[in-house]
């Protein structure tokens, strides 16, 4: 295929989108966010970035990429947000939470427990962690702090609000809904907000896992990094995992996604339970 050949017929699209455009986007998002885009993502890339072309009043993807490469910080943020996938749900990977709660129960004598959710998306995961924490401590105000980070500033803003449509909460038992959420009334009917006690337990911050320096301090008693590594190649995964090591408490746990395996980092982490890892002590 010629580098300038269009991926789809122009008549079907608002803007021309060539293979060269896609390869350039693929290179830029890998360099900036470590995300490896496969050729099967071409239609997704077009649909998400066509909005940015339109929003900037540009005529083509070529013009958009030229604009982007001039270094506009706001557009770089919008570009990254557009290509970041944020699939999430409350109590996703449910088998992790009994393990997590048991791990917390063993640390009840600690004055302070620190946890890190490294891909918080719209907040369902860190708030699920917070609910599990209150269950383990039998308290709405346990000595626990959860740092929740994400690359995407748009989803962080939603997470900070902690407001969700009721259909997003369907898998949460009714007694937990009453305990942890406030149902909206009138204008806010059909919505529910996370209770202040849970929101106070979580701090949301923007962080790029590819940054050379992470402005955070451990040790963390547990790190959730679930369904994140699947977007990175093995080399990038290893680099991130190596940076987790000094931030995790010696007996801390690293929770991964159901389709993720860190066998290539067996010198750093070893499998403890299903997709739950612990440090290799040398």
C-alpha atoms as a PDB file:
ATOM      1  CA  UNK A   1       0.000   0.000   0.000  1.00  0.00           C
ATOM      2  CA  UNK A   2       1.313   3.456  -0.860  1.00  0.00           C
ATOM      3  CA  UNK A   3       2.006   5.649   2.162  1.00  0.00           C
ATOM      4  CA  UNK A   4      -0.347   8.247   0.719  1.00  0.00           C
ATOM      5  CA  UNK A   5      -3.149   5.881  -0.212  1.00  0.00           C
ATOM      6  CA  UNK A   6      -6.329   6.671   1.645  1.00  0.00           C
ATOM      7  CA  UNK A   7      -7.506   4.107   4.191  1.00  0.00           C
ATOM      8  CA  UNK A   8     -11.134   4.548   3.143  1.00  0.00           C
ATOM      9  CA  UNK A   9     -12.923   6.191   0.284  1.00  0.00           C
ATOM     10  CA  UNK A  10     -13.031   9.970   0.771  1.00  0.00           C
ATOM     11  CA  UNK A  11     -16.702   9.984  -0.184  1.00  0.00           C
ATOM     12  CA  UNK A  12     -17.455   8.118   3.026  1.00  0.00           C
ATOM     13  CA  UNK A  13     -15.544  10.483   5.285  1.00  0.00           C
ATOM     14  CA  UNK A  14     -15.589  14.174   6.078  1.00  0.00           C
ATOM     15  CA  UNK A  15     -11.783  14.369   5.839  1.00  0.00           C
ATOM     16  CA  UNK A  16      -9.194  12.512   3.791  1.00  0.00           C
ATOM     17  CA  UNK A  17      -7.296  10.054   6.001  1.00  0.00           C
ATOM     18  CA  UNK A  18      -4.212   8.419   4.536  1.00  0.00           C
ATOM     19  CA  UNK A  19      -2.029   5.574   5.689  1.00  0.00           C
ATOM     20  CA  UNK A  20       0.701   8.153   6.207  1.00  0.00           C
ATOM     21  CA  UNK A  21      -1.611  10.122   8.525  1.00  0.00           C
ATOM     22  CA  UNK A  22      -2.312   6.983  10.552  1.00  0.00           C
ATOM     23  CA  UNK A  23       1.380   6.039  10.796  1.00  0.00           C
ATOM     24  CA  UNK A  24       2.216   9.550  12.008  1.00  0.00           C
ATOM     25  CA  UNK A  25      -0.535   9.412  14.666  1.00  0.00           C
ATOM     26  CA  UNK A  26       0.602   5.946  15.694  1.00  0.00           C
ATOM     27  CA  UNK A  27       4.170   7.202  16.185  1.00  0.00           C
ATOM     28  CA  UNK A  28       3.107  10.322  18.123  1.00  0.00           C
ATOM     29  CA  UNK A  29       0.813   8.537  20.600  1.00  0.00           C
ATOM     30  CA  UNK A  30       3.461   5.869  21.211  1.00  0.00           C
ATOM     31  CA  UNK A  31       6.118   8.487  21.935  1.00  0.00           C
ATOM     32  CA  UNK A  32       3.831  10.542  24.147  1.00  0.00           C
ATOM     33  CA  UNK A  33       1.781   7.907  25.979  1.00  0.00           C
ATOM     34  CA  UNK A  34       3.373   4.542  25.193  1.00  0.00           C
ATOM     35  CA  UNK A  35       0.177   3.336  23.512  1.00  0.00           C
ATOM     36  CA  UNK A  36       0.754   0.853  20.682  1.00  0.00           C
ATOM     37  CA  UNK A  37      -1.987   1.187  18.065  1.00  0.00           C
ATOM     38  CA  UNK A  38      -2.611  -1.789  15.795  1.00  0.00           C
ATOM     39  CA  UNK A  39      -3.790  -1.375  12.195  1.00  0.00           C
ATOM     40  CA  UNK A  40      -7.250  -2.529  13.311  1.00  0.00           C
ATOM     41  CA  UNK A  41      -7.627   0.792  15.202  1.00  0.00           C
ATOM     42  CA  UNK A  42      -7.616   2.978  12.085  1.00  0.00           C
ATOM     43  CA  UNK A  43     -11.366   3.595  12.051  1.00  0.00           C
ATOM     44  CA  UNK A  44     -11.355   4.348  15.800  1.00  0.00           C
ATOM     45  CA  UNK A  45      -8.501   6.830  15.336  1.00  0.00           C
ATOM     46  CA  UNK A  46     -10.322   8.568  12.482  1.00  0.00           C
ATOM     47  CA  UNK A  47     -13.620   8.913  14.345  1.00  0.00           C
ATOM     48  CA  UNK A  48     -12.027  10.262  17.520  1.00  0.00           C
ATOM     49  CA  UNK A  49      -9.591  12.669  15.898  1.00  0.00           C
ATOM     50  CA  UNK A  50     -11.958  13.946  13.199  1.00  0.00           C
ATOM     51  CA  UNK A  51     -13.649  15.822  16.063  1.00  0.00           C
ATOM     52  CA  UNK A  52     -10.335  17.525  16.852  1.00  0.00           C
ATOM     53  CA  UNK A  53      -9.821  18.472  13.188  1.00  0.00           C
ATOM     54  CA  UNK A  54     -13.309  19.981  13.171  1.00  0.00           C
ATOM     55  CA  UNK A  55     -12.917  21.700  16.574  1.00  0.00           C
ATOM     56  CA  UNK A  56      -9.770  23.458  15.378  1.00  0.00           C
ATOM     57  CA  UNK A  57     -11.370  24.611  12.125  1.00  0.00           C
ATOM     58  CA  UNK A  58      -8.854  22.686  10.010  1.00  0.00           C
ATOM     59  CA  UNK A  59      -9.386  21.156   6.579  1.00  0.00           C
ATOM     60  CA  UNK A  60      -7.463  17.891   6.805  1.00  0.00           C
ATOM     61  CA  UNK A  61      -5.608  15.454   9.037  1.00  0.00           C
ATOM     62  CA  UNK A  62      -2.392  16.689   7.453  1.00  0.00           C
ATOM     63  CA  UNK A  63      -3.188  20.216   8.659  1.00  0.00           C
ATOM     64  CA  UNK A  64      -4.121  18.862  12.097  1.00  0.00           C
ATOM     65  CA  UNK A  65      -0.844  16.957  12.478  1.00  0.00           C
ATOM     66  CA  UNK A  66       1.116  20.057  11.443  1.00  0.00           C
ATOM     67  CA  UNK A  67      -0.789  22.066  14.055  1.00  0.00           C
ATOM     68  CA  UNK A  68      -0.156  19.398  16.689  1.00  0.00           C
ATOM     69  CA  UNK A  69       3.560  19.212  15.998  1.00  0.00           C
ATOM     70  CA  UNK A  70       3.889  22.965  16.601  1.00  0.00           C
ATOM     71  CA  UNK A  71       3.594  22.044  20.287  1.00  0.00           C
ATOM     72  CA  UNK A  72       0.227  23.442  21.436  1.00  0.00           C
ATOM     73  CA  UNK A  73      -0.025  22.034  24.982  1.00  0.00           C
ATOM     74  CA  UNK A  74      -3.832  22.140  25.144  1.00  0.00           C
ATOM     75  CA  UNK A  75      -4.180  20.292  21.849  1.00  0.00           C
ATOM     76  CA  UNK A  76      -1.627  17.663  22.895  1.00  0.00           C
ATOM     77  CA  UNK A  77      -3.806  17.034  25.941  1.00  0.00           C
ATOM     78  CA  UNK A  78      -6.939  16.801  23.788  1.00  0.00           C
ATOM     79  CA  UNK A  79      -5.142  14.488  21.318  1.00  0.00           C
ATOM     80  CA  UNK A  80      -4.040  12.164  24.117  1.00  0.00           C
ATOM     81  CA  UNK A  81      -7.461  12.197  25.798  1.00  0.00           C
ATOM     82  CA  UNK A  82      -9.135  11.323  22.487  1.00  0.00           C
ATOM     83  CA  UNK A  83      -6.993   8.221  21.952  1.00  0.00           C
ATOM     84  CA  UNK A  84      -7.061   6.944  25.521  1.00  0.00           C
ATOM     85  CA  UNK A  85      -9.460   4.052  26.025  1.00  0.00           C
ATOM     86  CA  UNK A  86     -11.340   4.264  29.335  1.00  0.00           C
ATOM     87  CA  UNK A  87     -13.343   1.067  29.728  1.00  0.00           C
ATOM     88  CA  UNK A  88     -14.152   0.612  33.397  1.00  0.00           C
ATOM     89  CA  UNK A  89     -16.831  -0.503  35.855  1.00  0.00           C
ATOM     90  CA  UNK A  90     -17.453  -0.777  39.575  1.00  0.00           C
ATOM     91  CA  UNK A  91     -15.873  -3.903  41.096  1.00  0.00           C
ATOM     92  CA  UNK A  92     -14.389  -4.987  37.787  1.00  0.00           C
ATOM     93  CA  UNK A  93     -12.214  -8.136  38.165  1.00  0.00           C
ATOM     94  CA  UNK A  94     -14.319  -8.998  41.207  1.00  0.00           C
ATOM     95  CA  UNK A  95     -12.057 -11.856  42.338  1.00  0.00           C
ATOM     96  CA  UNK A  96      -9.452  -9.262  43.381  1.00  0.00           C
ATOM     97  CA  UNK A  97     -11.505  -7.632  46.111  1.00  0.00           C
ATOM     98  CA  UNK A  98     -11.619 -10.471  48.713  1.00  0.00           C
ATOM     99  CA  UNK A  99      -7.807 -10.736  48.319  1.00  0.00           C
ATOM    100  CA  UNK A 100      -7.506  -6.972  48.650  1.00  0.00           C
ATOM    101  CA  UNK A 101      -9.709  -6.841  51.769  1.00  0.00           C
ATOM    102  CA  UNK A 102      -7.776  -9.655  53.448  1.00  0.00           C
ATOM    103  CA  UNK A 103      -4.544  -7.809  52.658  1.00  0.00           C
ATOM    104  CA  UNK A 104      -5.956  -4.674  54.309  1.00  0.00           C
ATOM    105  CA  UNK A 105      -7.215  -6.551  57.370  1.00  0.00           C
ATOM    106  CA  UNK A 106      -3.669  -7.753  58.006  1.00  0.00           C
ATOM    107  CA  UNK A 107      -2.530  -4.118  58.159  1.00  0.00           C
ATOM    108  CA  UNK A 108      -5.100  -2.773  60.619  1.00  0.00           C
ATOM    109  CA  UNK A 109      -2.415  -1.888  63.151  1.00  0.00           C
ATOM    110  CA  UNK A 110      -0.690   0.493  60.735  1.00  0.00           C
ATOM    111  CA  UNK A 111      -1.171   4.185  61.461  1.00  0.00           C
ATOM    112  CA  UNK A 112      -1.525   4.995  57.771  1.00  0.00           C
ATOM    113  CA  UNK A 113      -2.181   2.842  54.720  1.00  0.00           C
ATOM    114  CA  UNK A 114      -1.400   4.179  51.257  1.00  0.00           C
ATOM    115  CA  UNK A 115      -2.908   2.755  48.072  1.00  0.00           C
ATOM    116  CA  UNK A 116      -2.432   3.706  44.427  1.00  0.00           C
ATOM    117  CA  UNK A 117      -4.856   3.252  41.555  1.00  0.00           C
ATOM    118  CA  UNK A 118      -2.634   4.010  38.559  1.00  0.00           C
ATOM    119  CA  UNK A 119      -5.380   4.147  35.899  1.00  0.00           C
ATOM    120  CA  UNK A 120      -8.435   5.584  37.593  1.00  0.00           C
ATOM    121  CA  UNK A 121     -10.430   6.471  34.457  1.00  0.00           C
ATOM    122  CA  UNK A 122     -13.801   7.944  35.522  1.00  0.00           C
ATOM    123  CA  UNK A 123     -13.371   6.817  39.121  1.00  0.00           C
ATOM    124  CA  UNK A 124     -15.162   3.488  39.341  1.00  0.00           C
ATOM    125  CA  UNK A 125     -11.990   1.605  40.289  1.00  0.00           C
ATOM    126  CA  UNK A 126     -10.672   3.873  43.080  1.00  0.00           C
ATOM    127  CA  UNK A 127     -14.174   4.213  44.541  1.00  0.00           C
ATOM    128  CA  UNK A 128     -14.525   0.406  44.439  1.00  0.00           C
ATOM    129  CA  UNK A 129     -11.224   0.258  46.319  1.00  0.00           C
ATOM    130  CA  UNK A 130     -12.577   2.766  48.852  1.00  0.00           C
ATOM    131  CA  UNK A 131     -15.736   0.682  49.387  1.00  0.00           C
ATOM    132  CA  UNK A 132     -13.593  -2.411  49.952  1.00  0.00           C
ATOM    133  CA  UNK A 133     -11.482  -0.438  52.427  1.00  0.00           C
ATOM    134  CA  UNK A 134     -14.522   0.576  54.498  1.00  0.00           C
ATOM    135  CA  UNK A 135     -15.668  -3.037  54.478  1.00  0.00           C
ATOM    136  CA  UNK A 136     -12.276  -4.287  55.686  1.00  0.00           C
ATOM    137  CA  UNK A 137     -12.055  -1.667  58.453  1.00  0.00           C
ATOM    138  CA  UNK A 138     -15.777  -1.605  59.294  1.00  0.00           C
ATOM    139  CA  UNK A 139     -15.469   2.169  59.220  1.00  0.00           C
ATOM    140  CA  UNK A 140     -16.292   5.002  56.820  1.00  0.00           C
ATOM    141  CA  UNK A 141     -13.221   6.906  58.021  1.00  0.00           C
ATOM    142  CA  UNK A 142     -10.335   4.395  58.031  1.00  0.00           C
ATOM    143  CA  UNK A 143      -6.647   5.471  58.162  1.00  0.00           C
ATOM    144  CA  UNK A 144      -6.334   4.973  54.415  1.00  0.00           C
ATOM    145  CA  UNK A 145      -5.446   7.282  51.545  1.00  0.00           C
ATOM    146  CA  UNK A 146      -5.959   6.320  47.893  1.00  0.00           C
ATOM    147  CA  UNK A 147      -3.997   8.118  45.192  1.00  0.00           C
ATOM    148  CA  UNK A 148      -5.860   7.807  41.882  1.00  0.00           C
ATOM    149  CA  UNK A 149      -4.028   8.865  38.727  1.00  0.00           C
ATOM    150  CA  UNK A 150      -4.735   8.834  35.023  1.00  0.00           C
ATOM    151  CA  UNK A 151      -3.298  10.301  31.853  1.00  0.00           C
ATOM    152  CA  UNK A 152      -6.689  11.589  30.659  1.00  0.00           C
ATOM    153  CA  UNK A 153      -7.688  14.868  32.304  1.00  0.00           C
ATOM    154  CA  UNK A 154     -11.296  14.625  31.069  1.00  0.00           C
ATOM    155  CA  UNK A 155     -11.995  11.378  32.906  1.00  0.00           C
ATOM    156  CA  UNK A 156     -10.225  12.673  36.019  1.00  0.00           C
ATOM    157  CA  UNK A 157     -12.639  15.609  36.129  1.00  0.00           C
ATOM    158  CA  UNK A 158     -15.582  13.182  36.016  1.00  0.00           C
ATOM    159  CA  UNK A 159     -13.987  10.984  38.678  1.00  0.00           C
ATOM    160  CA  UNK A 160     -13.526  13.980  40.957  1.00  0.00           C
ATOM    161  CA  UNK A 161     -17.257  14.729  40.767  1.00  0.00           C
ATOM    162  CA  UNK A 162     -18.162  11.144  41.642  1.00  0.00           C
ATOM    163  CA  UNK A 163     -21.572  11.374  39.937  1.00  0.00           C
ATOM    164  CA  UNK A 164     -22.843   8.374  37.945  1.00  0.00           C
ATOM    165  CA  UNK A 165     -26.012   7.342  36.078  1.00  0.00           C
ATOM    166  CA  UNK A 166     -27.907   4.696  38.040  1.00  0.00           C
ATOM    167  CA  UNK A 167     -27.481   2.149  35.235  1.00  0.00           C
ATOM    168  CA  UNK A 168     -23.707   2.244  35.905  1.00  0.00           C
ATOM    169  CA  UNK A 169     -24.422   1.074  39.458  1.00  0.00           C
ATOM    170  CA  UNK A 170     -26.621  -1.914  38.611  1.00  0.00           C
ATOM    171  CA  UNK A 171     -24.042  -4.507  39.694  1.00  0.00           C
ATOM    172  CA  UNK A 172     -23.676  -2.969  43.155  1.00  0.00           C
ATOM    173  CA  UNK A 173     -25.933  -4.649  45.794  1.00  0.00           C
ATOM    174  CA  UNK A 174     -28.759  -2.446  47.065  1.00  0.00           C
ATOM    175  CA  UNK A 175     -27.407  -2.304  50.626  1.00  0.00           C
ATOM    176  CA  UNK A 176     -24.062  -1.027  49.306  1.00  0.00           C
ATOM    177  CA  UNK A 177     -25.864   1.536  47.150  1.00  0.00           C
ATOM    178  CA  UNK A 178     -27.620   2.899  50.242  1.00  0.00           C
ATOM    179  CA  UNK A 179     -24.379   2.863  52.224  1.00  0.00           C
ATOM    180  CA  UNK A 180     -22.080   4.489  49.679  1.00  0.00           C
ATOM    181  CA  UNK A 181     -24.207   6.624  47.313  1.00  0.00           C
ATOM    182  CA  UNK A 182     -26.659   9.512  47.515  1.00  0.00           C
ATOM    183  CA  UNK A 183     -29.475   9.275  44.964  1.00  0.00           C
ATOM    184  CA  UNK A 184     -30.322  12.412  43.048  1.00  0.00           C
ATOM    185  CA  UNK A 185     -33.779  13.962  43.211  1.00  0.00           C
ATOM    186  CA  UNK A 186     -35.711  16.281  40.931  1.00  0.00           C
ATOM    187  CA  UNK A 187     -33.354  17.684  38.305  1.00  0.00           C
ATOM    188  CA  UNK A 188     -30.745  15.078  39.332  1.00  0.00           C
ATOM    189  CA  UNK A 189     -33.062  12.058  39.201  1.00  0.00           C
ATOM    190  CA  UNK A 190     -31.427   9.057  37.559  1.00  0.00           C
ATOM    191  CA  UNK A 191     -28.035   9.982  39.009  1.00  0.00           C
ATOM    192  CA  UNK A 192     -26.195   9.058  42.176  1.00  0.00           C
ATOM    193  CA  UNK A 193     -23.218  10.640  43.907  1.00  0.00           C
ATOM    194  CA  UNK A 194     -20.493   8.917  45.873  1.00  0.00           C
ATOM    195  CA  UNK A 195     -20.756   9.808  49.573  1.00  0.00           C
ATOM    196  CA  UNK A 196     -18.306  12.459  50.844  1.00  0.00           C
ATOM    197  CA  UNK A 197     -16.547   9.935  53.125  1.00  0.00           C
ATOM    198  CA  UNK A 198     -15.440   7.934  50.078  1.00  0.00           C
ATOM    199  CA  UNK A 199     -14.514  10.990  48.048  1.00  0.00           C
ATOM    200  CA  UNK A 200     -12.417  12.304  50.926  1.00  0.00           C
ATOM    201  CA  UNK A 201     -10.425   9.073  50.916  1.00  0.00           C
ATOM    202  CA  UNK A 202      -9.317   9.554  47.295  1.00  0.00           C
ATOM    203  CA  UNK A 203      -7.018  12.140  45.716  1.00  0.00           C
ATOM    204  CA  UNK A 204      -7.143  12.426  41.917  1.00  0.00           C
ATOM    205  CA  UNK A 205      -4.083  13.583  39.987  1.00  0.00           C
ATOM    206  CA  UNK A 206      -2.920  13.572  36.377  1.00  0.00           C
ATOM    207  CA  UNK A 207       0.068  11.330  35.741  1.00  0.00           C
ATOM    208  CA  UNK A 208       1.648   9.846  32.627  1.00  0.00           C
ATOM    209  CA  UNK A 209       3.170   6.443  33.391  1.00  0.00           C
ATOM    210  CA  UNK A 210       5.717   7.147  30.647  1.00  0.00           C
ATOM    211  CA  UNK A 211       7.132  10.212  32.399  1.00  0.00           C
ATOM    212  CA  UNK A 212      10.733   9.749  33.545  1.00  0.00           C
ATOM    213  CA  UNK A 213       9.889  11.127  36.984  1.00  0.00           C
ATOM    214  CA  UNK A 214       6.673  10.400  38.858  1.00  0.00           C
ATOM    215  CA  UNK A 215       5.920  13.140  41.421  1.00  0.00           C
ATOM    216  CA  UNK A 216       4.615  10.643  43.982  1.00  0.00           C
ATOM    217  CA  UNK A 217       6.012   8.980  47.079  1.00  0.00           C
ATOM    218  CA  UNK A 218       5.489   5.508  48.490  1.00  0.00           C
ATOM    219  CA  UNK A 219       5.506   3.121  50.004  1.00  0.00           C
ATOM    220  CA  UNK A 220       2.135   1.902  48.767  1.00  0.00           C
ATOM    221  CA  UNK A 221       0.571  -1.104  50.461  1.00  0.00           C
ATOM    222  CA  UNK A 222      -1.100  -2.028  47.167  1.00  0.00           C
ATOM    223  CA  UNK A 223      -0.970  -0.782  43.596  1.00  0.00           C
ATOM    224  CA  UNK A 224      -3.812  -1.375  41.156  1.00  0.00           C
ATOM    225  CA  UNK A 225      -2.550  -1.326  37.571  1.00  0.00           C
ATOM    226  CA  UNK A 226      -5.284  -3.250  35.818  1.00  0.00           C
ATOM    227  CA  UNK A 227      -5.987  -3.388  32.082  1.00  0.00           C
ATOM    228  CA  UNK A 228      -3.350  -0.741  31.430  1.00  0.00           C
ATOM    229  CA  UNK A 229      -0.315  -2.767  30.372  1.00  0.00           C
ATOM    230  CA  UNK A 230      -2.214  -4.297  27.440  1.00  0.00           C
ATOM    231  CA  UNK A 231      -1.752  -0.983  25.611  1.00  0.00           C
ATOM    232  CA  UNK A 232       2.047  -1.053  26.016  1.00  0.00           C
ATOM    233  CA  UNK A 233       4.704  -3.225  24.407  1.00  0.00           C
ATOM    234  CA  UNK A 234       6.824  -5.525  26.611  1.00  0.00           C
ATOM    235  CA  UNK A 235       9.725  -3.092  26.797  1.00  0.00           C
ATOM    236  CA  UNK A 236       7.487  -0.273  28.038  1.00  0.00           C
ATOM    237  CA  UNK A 237       5.743  -2.628  30.469  1.00  0.00           C
ATOM    238  CA  UNK A 238       9.049  -3.654  32.001  1.00  0.00           C
ATOM    239  CA  UNK A 239      10.143  -0.033  32.378  1.00  0.00           C
ATOM    240  CA  UNK A 240       6.940   0.812  34.260  1.00  0.00           C
ATOM    241  CA  UNK A 241       7.083  -2.304  36.430  1.00  0.00           C
ATOM    242  CA  UNK A 242      10.674  -1.499  37.388  1.00  0.00           C
ATOM    243  CA  UNK A 243       9.538   1.930  38.587  1.00  0.00           C
ATOM    244  CA  UNK A 244       6.787   0.318  40.691  1.00  0.00           C
ATOM    245  CA  UNK A 245       9.351  -1.685  42.690  1.00  0.00           C
ATOM    246  CA  UNK A 246      10.691   1.091  44.983  1.00  0.00           C
ATOM    247  CA  UNK A 247       7.181   2.508  45.445  1.00  0.00           C
ATOM    248  CA  UNK A 248       5.614  -0.733  46.696  1.00  0.00           C
ATOM    249  CA  UNK A 249       5.911  -1.767  50.341  1.00  0.00           C
ATOM    250  CA  UNK A 250       8.108  -4.893  50.804  1.00  0.00           C
ATOM    251  CA  UNK A 251       4.991  -7.010  51.425  1.00  0.00           C
ATOM    252  CA  UNK A 252       2.720  -4.983  49.155  1.00  0.00           C
ATOM    253  CA  UNK A 253       0.599  -6.353  46.321  1.00  0.00           C
ATOM    254  CA  UNK A 254       0.334  -5.403  42.646  1.00  0.00           C
ATOM    255  CA  UNK A 255      -3.048  -6.104  41.035  1.00  0.00           C
ATOM    256  CA  UNK A 256      -3.078  -6.652  37.249  1.00  0.00           C
ATOM    257  CA  UNK A 257      -5.826  -7.141  34.664  1.00  0.00           C
ATOM    258  CA  UNK A 258      -7.245 -10.550  33.756  1.00  0.00           C
ATOM    259  CA  UNK A 259      -5.447 -10.649  30.385  1.00  0.00           C
ATOM    260  CA  UNK A 260      -2.116  -9.320  31.639  1.00  0.00           C
ATOM    261  CA  UNK A 261       0.943 -11.383  32.527  1.00  0.00           C
ATOM    262  CA  UNK A 262       4.253 -10.136  33.864  1.00  0.00           C
ATOM    263  CA  UNK A 263       6.339 -13.236  33.223  1.00  0.00           C
ATOM    264  CA  UNK A 264       8.809 -11.081  31.296  1.00  0.00           C
ATOM    265  CA  UNK A 265       9.473  -9.230  34.568  1.00  0.00           C
ATOM    266  CA  UNK A 266      10.028 -12.326  36.717  1.00  0.00           C
ATOM    267  CA  UNK A 267      13.141 -10.708  38.195  1.00  0.00           C
ATOM    268  CA  UNK A 268      10.881  -7.957  39.625  1.00  0.00           C
ATOM    269  CA  UNK A 269       7.541  -9.590  40.456  1.00  0.00           C
ATOM    270  CA  UNK A 270       6.253 -13.088  41.055  1.00  0.00           C
ATOM    271  CA  UNK A 271       2.686 -14.328  40.828  1.00  0.00           C
ATOM    272  CA  UNK A 272       1.018 -14.754  44.213  1.00  0.00           C
ATOM    273  CA  UNK A 273      -2.583 -15.413  43.184  1.00  0.00           C
ATOM    274  CA  UNK A 274      -4.572 -15.029  39.987  1.00  0.00           C
ATOM    275  CA  UNK A 275      -3.275 -11.763  38.419  1.00  0.00           C
ATOM    276  CA  UNK A 276      -1.974 -10.616  41.826  1.00  0.00           C
ATOM    277  CA  UNK A 277       1.776 -10.104  42.136  1.00  0.00           C
ATOM    278  CA  UNK A 278       4.307  -9.547  44.911  1.00  0.00           C
ATOM    279  CA  UNK A 279       7.876  -8.301  44.879  1.00  0.00           C
ATOM    280  CA  UNK A 280      10.814 -10.571  44.243  1.00  0.00           C
ATOM    281  CA  UNK A 281      13.207  -9.989  47.138  1.00  0.00           C
ATOM    282  CA  UNK A 282      16.843 -10.426  46.175  1.00  0.00           C
END
